[in-house]
Amino acid sequence: MNSDYVPHSIADGMRSIGFDEPCDRFFVAITRDGQIDYSNPIPTQIRLNDDDIPAPSYRKAFKWFRDNHEFYPSIEFNERYGKWVSRWCHINGSMGAIGTHIKYEDAEDACLNKFIEFLKTKQ
């Protein structure tokens, strides 16, 4: 998996709350042994069929949440515990903790999942 792009589960969650920005990669449904597999995002600038899911980069995903929903992540390394700490805040002043993570990438995923969760509950 190319770590510059969000995983399939986050891309699908973002699509479910309205993300449909142009992307240079898509998760394309490939049938393997009778199972649908959305493996690594495939480089293509056009959606090949309606089941393809736009695969934004992490940068693009966070920008979309900032620009469209005013959500901001905070990821900091806590030297005392040797872990990454993820938090979120909204332009309206609300904020909260998300969790601690061994890998920075896991902290990014946790922030994006939290933003998706918030927006799904508002629908």
C-alpha atoms as a PDB file:
ATOM      1  CA  MET A   1       0.000   0.000   0.000  1.00  0.00           C
ATOM      2  CA  ASN A   2       1.252   3.449  -0.860  1.00  0.00           C
ATOM      3  CA  SER A   3       1.245   5.313   2.466  1.00  0.00           C
ATOM      4  CA  ASP A   4       0.675   8.653   0.706  1.00  0.00           C
ATOM      5  CA  TYR A   5      -2.960   7.666   0.144  1.00  0.00           C
ATOM      6  CA  VAL A   6      -5.681   6.936   2.666  1.00  0.00           C
ATOM      7  CA  PRO A   7      -6.725   3.280   3.015  1.00  0.00           C
ATOM      8  CA  HIS A   8      -9.855   1.960   1.322  1.00  0.00           C
ATOM      9  CA  SER A   9     -11.978   2.064   4.494  1.00  0.00           C
ATOM     10  CA  ILE A  10     -11.316   5.798   4.971  1.00  0.00           C
ATOM     11  CA  ALA A  11     -11.797   6.593   1.270  1.00  0.00           C
ATOM     12  CA  ASP A  12     -15.141   4.752   1.350  1.00  0.00           C
ATOM     13  CA  GLY A  13     -16.151   6.566   4.540  1.00  0.00           C
ATOM     14  CA  MET A  14     -15.278   9.914   2.995  1.00  0.00           C
ATOM     15  CA  ARG A  15     -17.290   9.068  -0.105  1.00  0.00           C
ATOM     16  CA  SER A  16     -20.279   8.240   2.110  1.00  0.00           C
ATOM     17  CA  ILE A  17     -20.226  11.779   3.571  1.00  0.00           C
ATOM     18  CA  GLY A  18     -19.888  13.530   0.226  1.00  0.00           C
ATOM     19  CA  PHE A  19     -16.232  13.444  -0.829  1.00  0.00           C
ATOM     20  CA  ASP A  20     -16.071  13.414  -4.613  1.00  0.00           C
ATOM     21  CA  GLU A  21     -13.018  15.537  -5.386  1.00  0.00           C
ATOM     22  CA  PRO A  22     -10.798  14.803  -8.367  1.00  0.00           C
ATOM     23  CA  CYS A  23      -8.067  12.335  -7.395  1.00  0.00           C
ATOM     24  CA  ASP A  24      -5.151  10.846  -9.263  1.00  0.00           C
ATOM     25  CA  ARG A  25      -5.890   7.374  -7.863  1.00  0.00           C
ATOM     26  CA  PHE A  26      -8.996   5.271  -7.332  1.00  0.00           C
ATOM     27  CA  PHE A  27      -9.785   2.084  -5.499  1.00  0.00           C
ATOM     28  CA  VAL A  28     -11.100  -0.177  -8.236  1.00  0.00           C
ATOM     29  CA  ALA A  29     -13.187  -3.261  -7.463  1.00  0.00           C
ATOM     30  CA  ILE A  30     -11.313  -6.343  -8.643  1.00  0.00           C
ATOM     31  CA  THR A  31     -12.916  -9.776  -8.338  1.00  0.00           C
ATOM     32  CA  ARG A  32     -10.519 -12.431  -7.043  1.00  0.00           C
ATOM     33  CA  ASP A  33     -11.699 -15.931  -6.241  1.00  0.00           C
ATOM     34  CA  GLY A  34     -15.295 -14.716  -6.153  1.00  0.00           C
ATOM     35  CA  GLN A  35     -14.499 -11.956  -3.648  1.00  0.00           C
ATOM     36  CA  ILE A  36     -14.447  -8.235  -4.407  1.00  0.00           C
ATOM     37  CA  ASP A  37     -11.073  -6.784  -3.491  1.00  0.00           C
ATOM     38  CA  TYR A  38     -10.290  -3.085  -3.255  1.00  0.00           C
ATOM     39  CA  SER A  39      -6.537  -3.432  -2.994  1.00  0.00           C
ATOM     40  CA  ASN A  40      -4.054  -0.659  -3.573  1.00  0.00           C
ATOM     41  CA  PRO A  41      -5.310   2.517  -5.232  1.00  0.00           C
ATOM     42  CA  ILE A  42      -4.748   2.444  -8.976  1.00  0.00           C
ATOM     43  CA  PRO A  43      -3.272   5.475 -10.738  1.00  0.00           C
ATOM     44  CA  THR A  44      -5.977   6.899 -12.984  1.00  0.00           C
ATOM     45  CA  GLN A  45      -7.454  10.349 -13.170  1.00  0.00           C
ATOM     46  CA  ILE A  46     -10.871   9.212 -14.317  1.00  0.00           C
ATOM     47  CA  ARG A  47     -13.407   6.998 -12.609  1.00  0.00           C
ATOM     48  CA  LEU A  48     -13.681   3.851 -14.678  1.00  0.00           C
ATOM     49  CA  ASN A  49     -17.050   2.808 -13.241  1.00  0.00           C
ATOM     50  CA  ASP A  50     -19.495   3.919 -10.528  1.00  0.00           C
ATOM     51  CA  ASP A  51     -18.083   1.459  -7.980  1.00  0.00           C
ATOM     52  CA  ASP A  52     -14.612   3.033  -8.073  1.00  0.00           C
ATOM     53  CA  ILE A  53     -13.791   5.004  -4.945  1.00  0.00           C
ATOM     54  CA  PRO A  54     -11.657   8.165  -5.104  1.00  0.00           C
ATOM     55  CA  ALA A  55      -8.400   7.662  -3.163  1.00  0.00           C
ATOM     56  CA  PRO A  56      -7.237  11.006  -1.795  1.00  0.00           C
ATOM     57  CA  SER A  57      -3.781  11.559  -0.422  1.00  0.00           C
ATOM     58  CA  TYR A  58      -3.620  12.221   3.311  1.00  0.00           C
ATOM     59  CA  ARG A  59      -2.868  15.851   2.540  1.00  0.00           C
ATOM     60  CA  LYS A  60      -5.928  16.163   0.307  1.00  0.00           C
ATOM     61  CA  ALA A  61      -8.149  14.369   2.837  1.00  0.00           C
ATOM     62  CA  PHE A  62      -7.156  16.660   5.710  1.00  0.00           C
ATOM     63  CA  LYS A  63      -7.509  19.724   3.469  1.00  0.00           C
ATOM     64  CA  TRP A  64     -11.021  18.613   2.471  1.00  0.00           C
ATOM     65  CA  PHE A  65     -12.069  18.296   6.128  1.00  0.00           C
ATOM     66  CA  ARG A  66     -10.572  21.728   6.922  1.00  0.00           C
ATOM     67  CA  ASP A  67     -12.057  23.512   3.908  1.00  0.00           C
ATOM     68  CA  ASN A  68     -15.486  21.855   3.874  1.00  0.00           C
ATOM     69  CA  HIS A  69     -16.191  20.970   7.507  1.00  0.00           C
ATOM     70  CA  GLU A  70     -13.742  23.078   9.550  1.00  0.00           C
ATOM     71  CA  PHE A  71     -12.209  20.071  11.337  1.00  0.00           C
ATOM     72  CA  TYR A  72      -8.548  20.260  12.322  1.00  0.00           C
ATOM     73  CA  PRO A  73      -6.294  17.415  13.529  1.00  0.00           C
ATOM     74  CA  SER A  74      -3.563  17.684  16.125  1.00  0.00           C
ATOM     75  CA  ILE A  75      -0.945  14.942  16.212  1.00  0.00           C
ATOM     76  CA  GLU A  76       1.954  15.276  18.627  1.00  0.00           C
ATOM     77  CA  PHE A  77       4.615  12.913  19.884  1.00  0.00           C
ATOM     78  CA  ASN A  78       4.549  12.397  23.658  1.00  0.00           C
ATOM     79  CA  GLU A  79       8.131  11.665  24.664  1.00  0.00           C
ATOM     80  CA  ARG A  80       7.165  10.543  28.146  1.00  0.00           C
ATOM     81  CA  TYR A  81       5.048   7.669  26.816  1.00  0.00           C
ATOM     82  CA  GLY A  82       6.805   7.227  23.470  1.00  0.00           C
ATOM     83  CA  LYS A  83       3.523   7.434  21.536  1.00  0.00           C
ATOM     84  CA  TRP A  84       1.722   9.719  19.135  1.00  0.00           C
ATOM     85  CA  VAL A  85      -1.273  11.514  20.647  1.00  0.00           C
ATOM     86  CA  SER A  86      -4.156  12.462  18.350  1.00  0.00           C
ATOM     87  CA  ARG A  87      -6.722  15.142  19.056  1.00  0.00           C
ATOM     88  CA  TRP A  88      -9.301  17.019  17.033  1.00  0.00           C
ATOM     89  CA  CYS A  89     -10.777  20.485  17.116  1.00  0.00           C
ATOM     90  CA  HIS A  90     -13.529  22.288  15.260  1.00  0.00           C
ATOM     91  CA  ILE A  91     -13.689  25.947  14.332  1.00  0.00           C
ATOM     92  CA  ASN A  92     -16.640  26.346  16.743  1.00  0.00           C
ATOM     93  CA  GLY A  93     -14.263  25.729  19.663  1.00  0.00           C
ATOM     94  CA  SER A  94     -15.163  22.121  20.438  1.00  0.00           C
ATOM     95  CA  MET A  95     -12.246  19.725  20.794  1.00  0.00           C
ATOM     96  CA  GLY A  96     -11.355  16.338  22.153  1.00  0.00           C
ATOM     97  CA  ALA A  97      -8.848  13.544  22.440  1.00  0.00           C
ATOM     98  CA  ILE A  98      -8.876  10.633  20.038  1.00  0.00           C
ATOM     99  CA  GLY A  99      -6.167   8.338  21.381  1.00  0.00           C
ATOM    100  CA  THR A 100      -2.533   7.303  21.524  1.00  0.00           C
ATOM    101  CA  HIS A 101      -0.761   5.456  18.744  1.00  0.00           C
ATOM    102  CA  ILE A 102       2.565   3.759  18.178  1.00  0.00           C
ATOM    103  CA  LYS A 103       2.737   4.845  14.521  1.00  0.00           C
ATOM    104  CA  TYR A 104       2.132   8.338  13.174  1.00  0.00           C
ATOM    105  CA  GLU A 105       0.105   6.856  10.295  1.00  0.00           C
ATOM    106  CA  ASP A 106      -2.268   5.241  12.796  1.00  0.00           C
ATOM    107  CA  ALA A 107      -2.804   8.657  14.399  1.00  0.00           C
ATOM    108  CA  GLU A 108      -3.654  10.127  10.986  1.00  0.00           C
ATOM    109  CA  ASP A 109      -6.133   7.322  10.319  1.00  0.00           C
ATOM    110  CA  ALA A 110      -7.713   7.793  13.756  1.00  0.00           C
ATOM    111  CA  CYS A 111      -8.236  11.514  13.104  1.00  0.00           C
ATOM    112  CA  LEU A 112      -9.837  10.898   9.711  1.00  0.00           C
ATOM    113  CA  ASN A 113     -12.060   8.143  11.109  1.00  0.00           C
ATOM    114  CA  LYS A 114     -13.187  10.465  13.921  1.00  0.00           C
ATOM    115  CA  PHE A 115     -14.067  13.220  11.426  1.00  0.00           C
ATOM    116  CA  ILE A 116     -16.058  10.722   9.334  1.00  0.00           C
ATOM    117  CA  GLU A 117     -17.846   9.448  12.466  1.00  0.00           C
ATOM    118  CA  PHE A 118     -18.825  13.011  13.480  1.00  0.00           C
ATOM    119  CA  LEU A 119     -20.212  13.827  10.058  1.00  0.00           C
ATOM    120  CA  LYS A 120     -22.109  10.548   9.724  1.00  0.00           C
ATOM    121  CA  THR A 121     -23.924  11.259  12.995  1.00  0.00           C
ATOM    122  CA  LYS A 122     -24.949  14.683  11.655  1.00  0.00           C
ATOM    123  CA  GLN A 123     -26.585  13.170   8.538  1.00  0.00           C
END
